[in-house]
Amino acid sequence: MKIAYVIGPTTPISGNSNGIKSQALTWKSMIVKSGYTVDLIECWGNYDWSSYDLVHIFGRGLWLIDFIPNLASKNPNIVISPIIDSIESVFLYKLTSFLGNEKLRMYSLTYGLRKIFPQISGVFVRSDYEARYIRNSLGLPSNKIYKVPLSLSKEINISHHEKENFCLHVSSIYHDRKNVIRLIQAAKKYKFKLVLAGSKGTSKQYAPIRDEIGNATNITVLGFVTDDELDTLYKKAKVFALPSISEGVGIVALDAAAYGCEIVITNIGGPKEYYTEMAEIVDPFSIDKIGNAISKLLNGKSHQPNLQKHINKFYQPNTIGEKLIQSYLEIINASKLL
């Protein structure tokens, strides 16, 4: 099996912090480990598109409106991971998918997806939440939707770690959607120890976080940490909180759970599906809901070690890799019957 991976032209702007790029590279490593070939397509390259059993596109954008028909003329076996993290209603999302004028070449992103879907062999989603938007808003039949959850960032062996009584959060902390300001406000109000790790952005981007922390002594900002430092934080933290306003999956929370952390996760979108009620699901707009959930876990309420065992069983890279490969083979074999 020979696969081509294509990613959007804006990816280089955010570099290695791009979650879509991270998903594609993780999936590539899974497939290559099983003995198959994956080529990462570059704009400067020259490719024999007909040599690929399947072409997988990651992300979305108006560039696909022209790209897909041209690619289909060379290789019709195309699948896409559109990465839909919308917090709009399904109805509104569906409405925007009809906003387009081809004569004026004016399209919404959702219109672009609706337009290309008839030309592809399958859509890969990470959650039932994402599948609902694809099916109910964009009209794709269920037999073209393949649910392949994201995995842990690496193989993590279950072991016991002595926990310290603090809450950890890891992200690009300056991003509004990560909801760090409310998390800080919850830590100040409920007086728990909070450790923030990850990019602080520019001085201007970091300023609101710095100002919100003020002179609070129970909040520590580490900024960027190495992989080894992050592993140590996961091993020590009793609670990991990701109360995002918008989140696709949140691999950092999955990794934290695998290291034995208790999890507080947003009730918006697909992330909560990964925990099957073995995490505290919170309204990210409520400081009190966030603070109460973290405090309860720090003070004795626990979903571990059952959560750790659940994550290990369903979300290790080799498990997800097998599911991904089987989905690819199903699509490839079906195309041979046409």
C-alpha atoms as a PDB file:
ATOM      1  CA  MET A   1       0.000   0.000   0.000  1.00  0.00           C
ATOM      2  CA  LYS A   2       1.343   3.382  -1.070  1.00  0.00           C
ATOM      3  CA  ILE A   3      -0.297   6.524   0.309  1.00  0.00           C
ATOM      4  CA  ALA A   4       0.149  10.243  -0.397  1.00  0.00           C
ATOM      5  CA  TYR A   5      -0.456  12.797   2.365  1.00  0.00           C
ATOM      6  CA  VAL A   6      -1.425  16.332   1.327  1.00  0.00           C
ATOM      7  CA  ILE A   7      -1.747  19.243   3.749  1.00  0.00           C
ATOM      8  CA  GLY A   8      -2.951  22.824   3.298  1.00  0.00           C
ATOM      9  CA  PRO A   9      -0.668  25.629   2.054  1.00  0.00           C
ATOM     10  CA  THR A  10      -1.000  27.667   5.279  1.00  0.00           C
ATOM     11  CA  THR A  11       0.531  24.937   7.464  1.00  0.00           C
ATOM     12  CA  PRO A  12       4.134  26.293   7.370  1.00  0.00           C
ATOM     13  CA  ILE A  13       2.973  29.490   9.105  1.00  0.00           C
ATOM     14  CA  SER A  14       2.347  27.721  12.422  1.00  0.00           C
ATOM     15  CA  GLY A  15       5.054  25.096  11.915  1.00  0.00           C
ATOM     16  CA  ASN A  16       5.343  22.211  14.359  1.00  0.00           C
ATOM     17  CA  SER A  17       2.653  23.631  16.648  1.00  0.00           C
ATOM     18  CA  ASN A  18       0.027  22.927  13.969  1.00  0.00           C
ATOM     19  CA  GLY A  19      -2.319  20.214  15.223  1.00  0.00           C
ATOM     20  CA  ILE A  20      -3.307  19.066  11.726  1.00  0.00           C
ATOM     21  CA  LYS A  21       0.337  18.571  10.796  1.00  0.00           C
ATOM     22  CA  SER A  22       0.885  16.670  14.033  1.00  0.00           C
ATOM     23  CA  GLN A  23      -2.028  14.334  13.251  1.00  0.00           C
ATOM     24  CA  ALA A  24      -0.723  13.624   9.741  1.00  0.00           C
ATOM     25  CA  LEU A  25       2.825  12.936  10.925  1.00  0.00           C
ATOM     26  CA  THR A  26       1.595  10.645  13.711  1.00  0.00           C
ATOM     27  CA  TRP A  27      -0.559   8.696  11.275  1.00  0.00           C
ATOM     28  CA  LYS A  28       2.335   8.439   8.838  1.00  0.00           C
ATOM     29  CA  SER A  29       4.558   6.899  11.519  1.00  0.00           C
ATOM     30  CA  MET A  30       1.833   4.355  12.345  1.00  0.00           C
ATOM     31  CA  ILE A  31       1.515   3.255   8.718  1.00  0.00           C
ATOM     32  CA  VAL A  32       5.249   3.162   7.991  1.00  0.00           C
ATOM     33  CA  LYS A  33       5.781   1.082  11.136  1.00  0.00           C
ATOM     34  CA  SER A  34       3.430  -1.508   9.612  1.00  0.00           C
ATOM     35  CA  GLY A  35       5.530  -1.717   6.435  1.00  0.00           C
ATOM     36  CA  TYR A  36       3.583   0.584   4.118  1.00  0.00           C
ATOM     37  CA  THR A  37       4.749   3.708   2.277  1.00  0.00           C
ATOM     38  CA  VAL A  38       3.585   7.263   2.915  1.00  0.00           C
ATOM     39  CA  ASP A  39       4.848  10.221   0.864  1.00  0.00           C
ATOM     40  CA  LEU A  40       4.463  13.735   2.272  1.00  0.00           C
ATOM     41  CA  ILE A  41       3.554  15.830  -0.759  1.00  0.00           C
ATOM     42  CA  GLU A  42       5.478  19.087  -1.221  1.00  0.00           C
ATOM     43  CA  CYS A  43       4.506  21.948  -3.519  1.00  0.00           C
ATOM     44  CA  TRP A  44       7.943  21.839  -5.145  1.00  0.00           C
ATOM     45  CA  GLY A  45       7.767  18.114  -5.884  1.00  0.00           C
ATOM     46  CA  ASN A  46       6.904  16.139  -8.996  1.00  0.00           C
ATOM     47  CA  TYR A  47       4.667  13.135  -8.429  1.00  0.00           C
ATOM     48  CA  ASP A  48       3.152  10.243 -10.328  1.00  0.00           C
ATOM     49  CA  TRP A  49      -0.294  10.531  -8.770  1.00  0.00           C
ATOM     50  CA  SER A  50      -1.514   7.339 -10.420  1.00  0.00           C
ATOM     51  CA  SER A  51       1.091   5.344  -8.471  1.00  0.00           C
ATOM     52  CA  TYR A  52      -0.713   5.926  -5.160  1.00  0.00           C
ATOM     53  CA  ASP A  53      -3.353   3.552  -3.853  1.00  0.00           C
ATOM     54  CA  LEU A  54      -4.943   6.454  -2.000  1.00  0.00           C
ATOM     55  CA  VAL A  55      -4.436  10.199  -1.482  1.00  0.00           C
ATOM     56  CA  HIS A  56      -5.306  11.584   1.953  1.00  0.00           C
ATOM     57  CA  ILE A  57      -5.863  15.334   2.370  1.00  0.00           C
ATOM     58  CA  PHE A  58      -5.630  16.897   5.844  1.00  0.00           C
ATOM     59  CA  GLY A  59      -7.475  20.114   6.601  1.00  0.00           C
ATOM     60  CA  ARG A  60      -9.750  22.206   4.453  1.00  0.00           C
ATOM     61  CA  GLY A  61      -9.737  25.429   2.496  1.00  0.00           C
ATOM     62  CA  LEU A  62     -11.032  27.045  -0.656  1.00  0.00           C
ATOM     63  CA  TRP A  63      -7.951  25.821  -2.514  1.00  0.00           C
ATOM     64  CA  LEU A  64      -9.583  22.370  -2.554  1.00  0.00           C
ATOM     65  CA  ILE A  65     -12.324  23.537  -4.934  1.00  0.00           C
ATOM     66  CA  ASP A  66      -9.820  23.564  -7.801  1.00  0.00           C
ATOM     67  CA  PHE A  67      -7.384  21.036  -6.385  1.00  0.00           C
ATOM     68  CA  ILE A  68      -9.783  18.103  -5.982  1.00  0.00           C
ATOM     69  CA  PRO A  69     -11.133  17.996  -9.583  1.00  0.00           C
ATOM     70  CA  ASN A  70      -7.597  18.225 -10.985  1.00  0.00           C
ATOM     71  CA  LEU A  71      -6.352  15.505  -8.654  1.00  0.00           C
ATOM     72  CA  ALA A  72      -9.360  13.270  -9.349  1.00  0.00           C
ATOM     73  CA  SER A  73      -8.479  13.231 -13.040  1.00  0.00           C
ATOM     74  CA  LYS A  74      -5.165  11.589 -12.097  1.00  0.00           C
ATOM     75  CA  ASN A  75      -6.238   9.527  -9.086  1.00  0.00           C
ATOM     76  CA  PRO A  76      -9.904   9.278  -8.050  1.00  0.00           C
ATOM     77  CA  ASN A  77      -9.142   7.516  -4.756  1.00  0.00           C
ATOM     78  CA  ILE A  78      -9.192  10.587  -2.501  1.00  0.00           C
ATOM     79  CA  VAL A  79     -10.075  10.866   1.184  1.00  0.00           C
ATOM     80  CA  ILE A  80     -10.067  13.905   3.461  1.00  0.00           C
ATOM     81  CA  SER A  81      -9.791  14.789   7.146  1.00  0.00           C
ATOM     82  CA  PRO A  82     -11.513  18.200   7.139  1.00  0.00           C
ATOM     83  CA  ILE A  83     -10.884  18.843  10.873  1.00  0.00           C
ATOM     84  CA  ILE A  84     -14.200  20.385  11.969  1.00  0.00           C
ATOM     85  CA  ASP A  85     -14.085  21.882  15.468  1.00  0.00           C
ATOM     86  CA  SER A  86     -17.104  24.131  15.024  1.00  0.00           C
ATOM     87  CA  ILE A  87     -19.113  25.333  18.023  1.00  0.00           C
ATOM     88  CA  GLU A  88     -21.905  26.643  15.772  1.00  0.00           C
ATOM     89  CA  SER A  89     -25.193  24.768  15.685  1.00  0.00           C
ATOM     90  CA  VAL A  90     -25.520  22.011  13.098  1.00  0.00           C
ATOM     91  CA  PHE A  91     -28.330  24.011  11.467  1.00  0.00           C
ATOM     92  CA  LEU A  92     -26.222  27.158  11.100  1.00  0.00           C
ATOM     93  CA  TYR A  93     -23.276  25.134   9.830  1.00  0.00           C
ATOM     94  CA  LYS A  94     -25.556  23.563   7.224  1.00  0.00           C
ATOM     95  CA  LEU A  95     -26.894  26.979   6.219  1.00  0.00           C
ATOM     96  CA  THR A  96     -23.402  28.348   5.575  1.00  0.00           C
ATOM     97  CA  SER A  97     -22.620  25.364   3.348  1.00  0.00           C
ATOM     98  CA  PHE A  98     -24.999  26.791   0.745  1.00  0.00           C
ATOM     99  CA  LEU A  99     -23.363  30.233   0.701  1.00  0.00           C
ATOM    100  CA  GLY A 100     -21.474  30.433  -2.556  1.00  0.00           C
ATOM    101  CA  ASN A 101     -21.538  31.980  -5.994  1.00  0.00           C
ATOM    102  CA  GLU A 102     -19.452  30.132  -8.537  1.00  0.00           C
ATOM    103  CA  LYS A 103     -19.705  32.849 -11.197  1.00  0.00           C
ATOM    104  CA  LEU A 104     -18.252  35.389  -8.776  1.00  0.00           C
ATOM    105  CA  ARG A 105     -15.952  32.748  -7.248  1.00  0.00           C
ATOM    106  CA  MET A 106     -17.144  33.680  -3.790  1.00  0.00           C
ATOM    107  CA  TYR A 107     -17.482  30.737  -1.401  1.00  0.00           C
ATOM    108  CA  SER A 108     -17.721  29.945   2.289  1.00  0.00           C
ATOM    109  CA  LEU A 109     -15.432  27.217   3.624  1.00  0.00           C
ATOM    110  CA  THR A 110     -18.411  24.974   4.266  1.00  0.00           C
ATOM    111  CA  TYR A 111     -19.666  25.542   0.716  1.00  0.00           C
ATOM    112  CA  GLY A 112     -16.278  24.380  -0.485  1.00  0.00           C
ATOM    113  CA  LEU A 113     -16.605  21.147   1.478  1.00  0.00           C
ATOM    114  CA  ARG A 114     -20.105  20.473   0.166  1.00  0.00           C
ATOM    115  CA  LYS A 115     -18.865  21.036  -3.378  1.00  0.00           C
ATOM    116  CA  ILE A 116     -15.931  18.596  -3.195  1.00  0.00           C
ATOM    117  CA  PHE A 117     -17.601  15.792  -1.225  1.00  0.00           C
ATOM    118  CA  PRO A 118     -19.160  14.073  -4.281  1.00  0.00           C
ATOM    119  CA  GLN A 119     -15.641  13.618  -5.693  1.00  0.00           C
ATOM    120  CA  ILE A 120     -14.060  11.888  -2.719  1.00  0.00           C
ATOM    121  CA  SER A 121     -14.108   8.298  -1.468  1.00  0.00           C
ATOM    122  CA  GLY A 122     -14.328   8.978   2.252  1.00  0.00           C
ATOM    123  CA  VAL A 123     -14.152  11.463   5.101  1.00  0.00           C
ATOM    124  CA  PHE A 124     -12.136  10.687   8.241  1.00  0.00           C
ATOM    125  CA  VAL A 125     -13.440  12.086  11.527  1.00  0.00           C
ATOM    126  CA  ARG A 126     -12.029  11.971  15.064  1.00  0.00           C
ATOM    127  CA  SER A 127     -15.296  11.861  17.005  1.00  0.00           C
ATOM    128  CA  ASP A 128     -19.037  11.321  16.733  1.00  0.00           C
ATOM    129  CA  TYR A 129     -19.381  15.081  17.259  1.00  0.00           C
ATOM    130  CA  GLU A 130     -17.404  15.750  14.075  1.00  0.00           C
ATOM    131  CA  ALA A 131     -19.263  13.004  12.197  1.00  0.00           C
ATOM    132  CA  ARG A 132     -22.588  14.663  13.049  1.00  0.00           C
ATOM    133  CA  TYR A 133     -21.535  17.872  11.285  1.00  0.00           C
ATOM    134  CA  ILE A 134     -20.358  15.945   8.240  1.00  0.00           C
ATOM    135  CA  ARG A 135     -23.531  13.869   8.016  1.00  0.00           C
ATOM    136  CA  ASN A 136     -26.240  16.306   9.107  1.00  0.00           C
ATOM    137  CA  SER A 137     -24.816  19.584   7.859  1.00  0.00           C
ATOM    138  CA  LEU A 138     -23.016  18.548   4.695  1.00  0.00           C
ATOM    139  CA  GLY A 139     -25.138  15.614   3.612  1.00  0.00           C
ATOM    140  CA  LEU A 140     -22.443  12.960   3.317  1.00  0.00           C
ATOM    141  CA  PRO A 141     -23.835   9.407   3.651  1.00  0.00           C
ATOM    142  CA  SER A 142     -22.724   7.420   6.687  1.00  0.00           C
ATOM    143  CA  ASN A 143     -20.992   4.765   4.577  1.00  0.00           C
ATOM    144  CA  LYS A 144     -18.472   7.392   3.468  1.00  0.00           C
ATOM    145  CA  ILE A 145     -17.621   8.489   7.015  1.00  0.00           C
ATOM    146  CA  TYR A 146     -14.736   6.710   8.761  1.00  0.00           C
ATOM    147  CA  LYS A 147     -14.256   7.355  12.468  1.00  0.00           C
ATOM    148  CA  VAL A 148     -10.610   6.990  13.458  1.00  0.00           C
ATOM    149  CA  PRO A 149      -9.913   8.629  16.833  1.00  0.00           C
ATOM    150  CA  LEU A 150      -6.595  10.285  17.532  1.00  0.00           C
ATOM    151  CA  SER A 151      -4.075   8.385  19.605  1.00  0.00           C
ATOM    152  CA  LEU A 152      -1.672   9.219  22.374  1.00  0.00           C
ATOM    153  CA  SER A 153       1.314  11.181  21.094  1.00  0.00           C
ATOM    154  CA  LYS A 154       3.507   8.106  21.677  1.00  0.00           C
ATOM    155  CA  GLU A 155       3.421   4.673  23.267  1.00  0.00           C
ATOM    156  CA  ILE A 156       2.987   5.249  27.012  1.00  0.00           C
ATOM    157  CA  ASN A 157       3.440   2.343  29.396  1.00  0.00           C
ATOM    158  CA  ILE A 158       1.087   2.223  32.368  1.00  0.00           C
ATOM    159  CA  SER A 159       2.907   2.637  35.655  1.00  0.00           C
ATOM    160  CA  HIS A 160       2.274   4.202  39.057  1.00  0.00           C
ATOM    161  CA  HIS A 161       3.603   7.690  39.717  1.00  0.00           C
ATOM    162  CA  GLU A 162       3.582   9.537  43.024  1.00  0.00           C
ATOM    163  CA  LYS A 163       1.331  12.536  42.484  1.00  0.00           C
ATOM    164  CA  GLU A 164       1.697  16.068  43.782  1.00  0.00           C
ATOM    165  CA  ASN A 165      -1.355  18.164  44.615  1.00  0.00           C
ATOM    166  CA  PHE A 166      -1.462  20.552  41.677  1.00  0.00           C
ATOM    167  CA  CYS A 167      -3.368  21.088  38.430  1.00  0.00           C
ATOM    168  CA  LEU A 168      -1.473  21.142  35.147  1.00  0.00           C
ATOM    169  CA  HIS A 169      -2.457  22.797  31.872  1.00  0.00           C
ATOM    170  CA  VAL A 170      -0.448  22.522  28.639  1.00  0.00           C
ATOM    171  CA  SER A 171      -1.181  24.460  25.449  1.00  0.00           C
ATOM    172  CA  SER A 172      -0.264  27.567  23.528  1.00  0.00           C
ATOM    173  CA  ILE A 173      -1.546  29.385  26.586  1.00  0.00           C
ATOM    174  CA  TYR A 174      -2.072  32.724  24.866  1.00  0.00           C
ATOM    175  CA  HIS A 175      -4.745  31.350  22.511  1.00  0.00           C
ATOM    176  CA  ASP A 176      -8.186  32.590  23.564  1.00  0.00           C
ATOM    177  CA  ARG A 177      -9.813  29.258  22.727  1.00  0.00           C
ATOM    178  CA  LYS A 178      -7.694  27.515  25.374  1.00  0.00           C
ATOM    179  CA  ASN A 179      -9.588  29.518  28.012  1.00  0.00           C
ATOM    180  CA  VAL A 180      -6.559  30.047  30.242  1.00  0.00           C
ATOM    181  CA  ILE A 181      -7.865  33.313  31.698  1.00  0.00           C
ATOM    182  CA  ARG A 182     -10.890  31.563  33.255  1.00  0.00           C
ATOM    183  CA  LEU A 183      -8.651  28.733  34.440  1.00  0.00           C
ATOM    184  CA  ILE A 184      -6.449  31.289  36.207  1.00  0.00           C
ATOM    185  CA  GLN A 185      -9.524  32.966  37.707  1.00  0.00           C
ATOM    186  CA  ALA A 186     -10.706  29.571  38.984  1.00  0.00           C
ATOM    187  CA  ALA A 187      -7.297  28.897  40.577  1.00  0.00           C
ATOM    188  CA  LYS A 188      -7.354  32.273  42.312  1.00  0.00           C
ATOM    189  CA  LYS A 189     -10.926  31.844  43.563  1.00  0.00           C
ATOM    190  CA  TYR A 190     -10.596  28.201  44.690  1.00  0.00           C
ATOM    191  CA  LYS A 191      -6.985  28.590  45.832  1.00  0.00           C
ATOM    192  CA  PHE A 192      -5.496  25.515  44.140  1.00  0.00           C
ATOM    193  CA  LYS A 193      -1.982  25.286  42.740  1.00  0.00           C
ATOM    194  CA  LEU A 194      -1.947  25.727  38.948  1.00  0.00           C
ATOM    195  CA  VAL A 195       1.006  25.100  36.619  1.00  0.00           C
ATOM    196  CA  LEU A 196       0.822  26.446  33.053  1.00  0.00           C
ATOM    197  CA  ALA A 197       3.182  25.057  30.413  1.00  0.00           C
ATOM    198  CA  GLY A 198       3.478  25.844  26.714  1.00  0.00           C
ATOM    199  CA  SER A 199       4.170  28.751  24.427  1.00  0.00           C
ATOM    200  CA  LYS A 200       3.432  32.178  25.908  1.00  0.00           C
ATOM    201  CA  GLY A 201       3.391  33.853  22.487  1.00  0.00           C
ATOM    202  CA  THR A 202       4.665  37.394  22.107  1.00  0.00           C
ATOM    203  CA  SER A 203       4.883  39.878  24.978  1.00  0.00           C
ATOM    204  CA  LYS A 204       1.651  41.452  23.751  1.00  0.00           C
ATOM    205  CA  GLN A 205      -0.126  38.081  23.540  1.00  0.00           C
ATOM    206  CA  TYR A 206       1.070  37.075  27.009  1.00  0.00           C
ATOM    207  CA  ALA A 207       0.160  40.385  28.690  1.00  0.00           C
ATOM    208  CA  PRO A 208      -3.498  39.473  29.547  1.00  0.00           C
ATOM    209  CA  ILE A 209      -2.353  36.264  31.248  1.00  0.00           C
ATOM    210  CA  ARG A 210       0.393  38.075  33.184  1.00  0.00           C
ATOM    211  CA  ASP A 211      -2.049  40.764  34.272  1.00  0.00           C
ATOM    212  CA  GLU A 212      -4.696  38.225  35.342  1.00  0.00           C
ATOM    213  CA  ILE A 213      -2.196  36.303  37.472  1.00  0.00           C
ATOM    214  CA  GLY A 214      -1.042  39.502  39.138  1.00  0.00           C
ATOM    215  CA  ASN A 215       0.606  38.709  42.472  1.00  0.00           C
ATOM    216  CA  ALA A 216      -1.039  35.287  42.904  1.00  0.00           C
ATOM    217  CA  THR A 217       1.563  32.911  44.353  1.00  0.00           C
ATOM    218  CA  ASN A 218      -0.337  29.691  43.601  1.00  0.00           C
ATOM    219  CA  ILE A 219       0.076  30.012  39.819  1.00  0.00           C
ATOM    220  CA  THR A 220       3.309  29.128  37.993  1.00  0.00           C
ATOM    221  CA  VAL A 221       3.974  29.791  34.304  1.00  0.00           C
ATOM    222  CA  LEU A 222       6.747  27.593  32.886  1.00  0.00           C
ATOM    223  CA  GLY A 223       6.447  28.578  29.234  1.00  0.00           C
ATOM    224  CA  PHE A 224       7.871  26.162  26.668  1.00  0.00           C
ATOM    225  CA  VAL A 225       9.049  22.822  28.079  1.00  0.00           C
ATOM    226  CA  THR A 226      10.958  19.957  26.465  1.00  0.00           C
ATOM    227  CA  ASP A 227       9.369  16.555  25.900  1.00  0.00           C
ATOM    228  CA  ASP A 228      11.277  15.114  28.856  1.00  0.00           C
ATOM    229  CA  GLU A 229      10.178  17.990  31.093  1.00  0.00           C
ATOM    230  CA  LEU A 230       6.583  17.498  29.955  1.00  0.00           C
ATOM    231  CA  ASP A 231       6.713  13.791  30.787  1.00  0.00           C
ATOM    232  CA  THR A 232       7.915  14.686  34.286  1.00  0.00           C
ATOM    233  CA  LEU A 233       5.038  17.150  34.719  1.00  0.00           C
ATOM    234  CA  TYR A 234       2.509  14.510  33.615  1.00  0.00           C
ATOM    235  CA  LYS A 235       3.962  12.061  36.136  1.00  0.00           C
ATOM    236  CA  LYS A 236       3.746  14.576  38.990  1.00  0.00           C
ATOM    237  CA  ALA A 237       0.424  16.346  38.316  1.00  0.00           C
ATOM    238  CA  LYS A 238      -2.635  15.004  40.112  1.00  0.00           C
ATOM    239  CA  VAL A 239      -5.060  16.838  37.801  1.00  0.00           C
ATOM    240  CA  PHE A 240      -4.863  17.973  34.191  1.00  0.00           C
ATOM    241  CA  ALA A 241      -7.360  20.602  33.021  1.00  0.00           C
ATOM    242  CA  LEU A 242      -8.313  21.440  29.430  1.00  0.00           C
ATOM    243  CA  PRO A 243     -11.492  23.568  29.661  1.00  0.00           C
ATOM    244  CA  SER A 244     -11.205  24.865  26.090  1.00  0.00           C
ATOM    245  CA  ILE A 245     -13.885  26.879  24.352  1.00  0.00           C
ATOM    246  CA  SER A 246     -13.010  25.072  21.126  1.00  0.00           C
ATOM    247  CA  GLU A 247     -11.007  21.832  20.942  1.00  0.00           C
ATOM    248  CA  GLY A 248     -10.766  19.015  18.426  1.00  0.00           C
ATOM    249  CA  VAL A 249      -9.475  16.254  20.711  1.00  0.00           C
ATOM    250  CA  GLY A 250      -6.781  17.565  23.034  1.00  0.00           C
ATOM    251  CA  ILE A 251      -3.934  15.043  22.791  1.00  0.00           C
ATOM    252  CA  VAL A 252      -2.237  16.617  25.820  1.00  0.00           C
ATOM    253  CA  ALA A 253      -5.183  15.559  27.988  1.00  0.00           C
ATOM    254  CA  LEU A 254      -5.082  12.002  26.598  1.00  0.00           C
ATOM    255  CA  ASP A 255      -1.357  11.795  27.351  1.00  0.00           C
ATOM    256  CA  ALA A 256      -1.951  13.153  30.853  1.00  0.00           C
ATOM    257  CA  ALA A 257      -4.633  10.527  31.496  1.00  0.00           C
ATOM    258  CA  ALA A 258      -2.238   7.799  30.369  1.00  0.00           C
ATOM    259  CA  TYR A 259       0.238   9.048  32.994  1.00  0.00           C
ATOM    260  CA  GLY A 260      -2.441   8.738  35.677  1.00  0.00           C
ATOM    261  CA  CYS A 261      -3.702  12.320  35.903  1.00  0.00           C
ATOM    262  CA  GLU A 262      -7.315  13.041  36.736  1.00  0.00           C
ATOM    263  CA  ILE A 263      -8.916  14.950  33.841  1.00  0.00           C
ATOM    264  CA  VAL A 264     -11.104  18.051  33.656  1.00  0.00           C
ATOM    265  CA  ILE A 265     -12.291  18.538  30.082  1.00  0.00           C
ATOM    266  CA  THR A 266     -14.605  20.900  28.209  1.00  0.00           C
ATOM    267  CA  ASN A 267     -18.211  19.893  27.546  1.00  0.00           C
ATOM    268  CA  ILE A 268     -18.016  21.499  24.078  1.00  0.00           C
ATOM    269  CA  GLY A 269     -17.251  19.342  21.055  1.00  0.00           C
ATOM    270  CA  GLY A 270     -15.721  15.902  20.711  1.00  0.00           C
ATOM    271  CA  PRO A 271     -12.989  15.700  23.422  1.00  0.00           C
ATOM    272  CA  LYS A 272     -15.348  14.392  26.135  1.00  0.00           C
ATOM    273  CA  GLU A 273     -16.140  11.297  24.021  1.00  0.00           C
ATOM    274  CA  TYR A 274     -12.660   9.911  24.690  1.00  0.00           C
ATOM    275  CA  TYR A 275     -13.209   9.546  28.436  1.00  0.00           C
ATOM    276  CA  THR A 276     -16.569   7.718  28.723  1.00  0.00           C
ATOM    277  CA  GLU A 277     -17.609   9.555  31.890  1.00  0.00           C
ATOM    278  CA  MET A 278     -14.260   8.924  33.607  1.00  0.00           C
ATOM    279  CA  ALA A 279     -13.424  12.631  33.614  1.00  0.00           C
ATOM    280  CA  GLU A 280     -15.014  15.787  34.979  1.00  0.00           C
ATOM    281  CA  ILE A 281     -16.902  17.416  32.088  1.00  0.00           C
ATOM    282  CA  VAL A 282     -17.288  21.166  32.614  1.00  0.00           C
ATOM    283  CA  ASP A 283     -18.900  24.234  31.102  1.00  0.00           C
ATOM    284  CA  PRO A 284     -15.817  26.212  29.975  1.00  0.00           C
ATOM    285  CA  PHE A 285     -17.642  29.526  30.383  1.00  0.00           C
ATOM    286  CA  SER A 286     -18.189  28.933  34.118  1.00  0.00           C
ATOM    287  CA  ILE A 287     -15.307  29.767  36.458  1.00  0.00           C
ATOM    288  CA  ASP A 288     -17.143  28.000  39.281  1.00  0.00           C
ATOM    289  CA  LYS A 289     -17.716  24.791  37.302  1.00  0.00           C
ATOM    290  CA  ILE A 290     -14.029  24.691  36.376  1.00  0.00           C
ATOM    291  CA  GLY A 291     -12.876  25.497  39.903  1.00  0.00           C
ATOM    292  CA  ASN A 292     -15.241  23.052  41.608  1.00  0.00           C
ATOM    293  CA  ALA A 293     -14.272  20.176  39.332  1.00  0.00           C
ATOM    294  CA  ILE A 294     -10.542  20.684  39.817  1.00  0.00           C
ATOM    295  CA  SER A 295     -10.914  21.124  43.588  1.00  0.00           C
ATOM    296  CA  LYS A 296     -12.932  17.899  43.945  1.00  0.00           C
ATOM    297  CA  LEU A 297     -10.262  15.908  42.125  1.00  0.00           C
ATOM    298  CA  LEU A 298      -7.432  17.494  44.090  1.00  0.00           C
ATOM    299  CA  ASN A 299      -9.285  16.698  47.297  1.00  0.00           C
ATOM    300  CA  GLY A 300      -9.922  13.013  46.749  1.00  0.00           C
ATOM    301  CA  LYS A 301     -12.496  12.300  44.032  1.00  0.00           C
ATOM    302  CA  SER A 302     -10.928   9.940  41.494  1.00  0.00           C
ATOM    303  CA  HIS A 303     -11.482   8.207  38.156  1.00  0.00           C
ATOM    304  CA  GLN A 304      -8.057   6.590  38.189  1.00  0.00           C
ATOM    305  CA  PRO A 305      -6.717   3.958  37.595  1.00  0.00           C
ATOM    306  CA  ASN A 306      -9.768   2.959  35.502  1.00  0.00           C
ATOM    307  CA  LEU A 307      -9.283   5.949  33.203  1.00  0.00           C
ATOM    308  CA  GLN A 308      -5.634   5.084  32.658  1.00  0.00           C
ATOM    309  CA  LYS A 309      -6.574   1.501  31.716  1.00  0.00           C
ATOM    310  CA  HIS A 310      -9.287   2.767  29.346  1.00  0.00           C
ATOM    311  CA  ILE A 311      -6.877   5.109  27.535  1.00  0.00           C
ATOM    312  CA  ASN A 312      -4.262   2.374  27.286  1.00  0.00           C
ATOM    313  CA  LYS A 313      -6.753  -0.076  25.793  1.00  0.00           C
ATOM    314  CA  PHE A 314      -8.267   2.172  23.127  1.00  0.00           C
ATOM    315  CA  TYR A 315      -5.847   4.986  22.277  1.00  0.00           C
ATOM    316  CA  GLN A 316      -2.330   3.615  22.088  1.00  0.00           C
ATOM    317  CA  PRO A 317      -0.775   4.402  18.662  1.00  0.00           C
ATOM    318  CA  ASN A 318      -0.605   0.755  17.572  1.00  0.00           C
ATOM    319  CA  THR A 319      -4.341   0.292  18.247  1.00  0.00           C
ATOM    320  CA  ILE A 320      -5.319   3.400  16.280  1.00  0.00           C
ATOM    321  CA  GLY A 321      -2.809   2.495  13.551  1.00  0.00           C
ATOM    322  CA  GLU A 322      -4.537  -0.834  12.968  1.00  0.00           C
ATOM    323  CA  LYS A 323      -7.910   0.900  12.697  1.00  0.00           C
ATOM    324  CA  LEU A 324      -6.513   3.461  10.238  1.00  0.00           C
ATOM    325  CA  ILE A 325      -4.935   0.825   8.012  1.00  0.00           C
ATOM    326  CA  GLN A 326      -8.114  -1.254   7.946  1.00  0.00           C
ATOM    327  CA  SER A 327     -10.093   1.824   6.884  1.00  0.00           C
ATOM    328  CA  TYR A 328      -7.629   2.543   4.088  1.00  0.00           C
ATOM    329  CA  LEU A 329      -7.738  -1.047   2.864  1.00  0.00           C
ATOM    330  CA  GLU A 330     -11.535  -1.035   2.897  1.00  0.00           C
ATOM    331  CA  ILE A 331     -11.624   2.070   0.682  1.00  0.00           C
ATOM    332  CA  ILE A 332      -8.911   0.768  -1.658  1.00  0.00           C
ATOM    333  CA  ASN A 333     -10.551  -2.640  -2.067  1.00  0.00           C
ATOM    334  CA  ALA A 334     -13.954  -1.052  -2.697  1.00  0.00           C
ATOM    335  CA  SER A 335     -12.467   1.100  -5.466  1.00  0.00           C
ATOM    336  CA  LYS A 336     -11.158  -1.991  -7.234  1.00  0.00           C
ATOM    337  CA  LEU A 337     -14.694  -3.335  -7.515  1.00  0.00           C
ATOM    338  CA  LEU A 338     -15.937  -0.256  -9.379  1.00  0.00           C
END
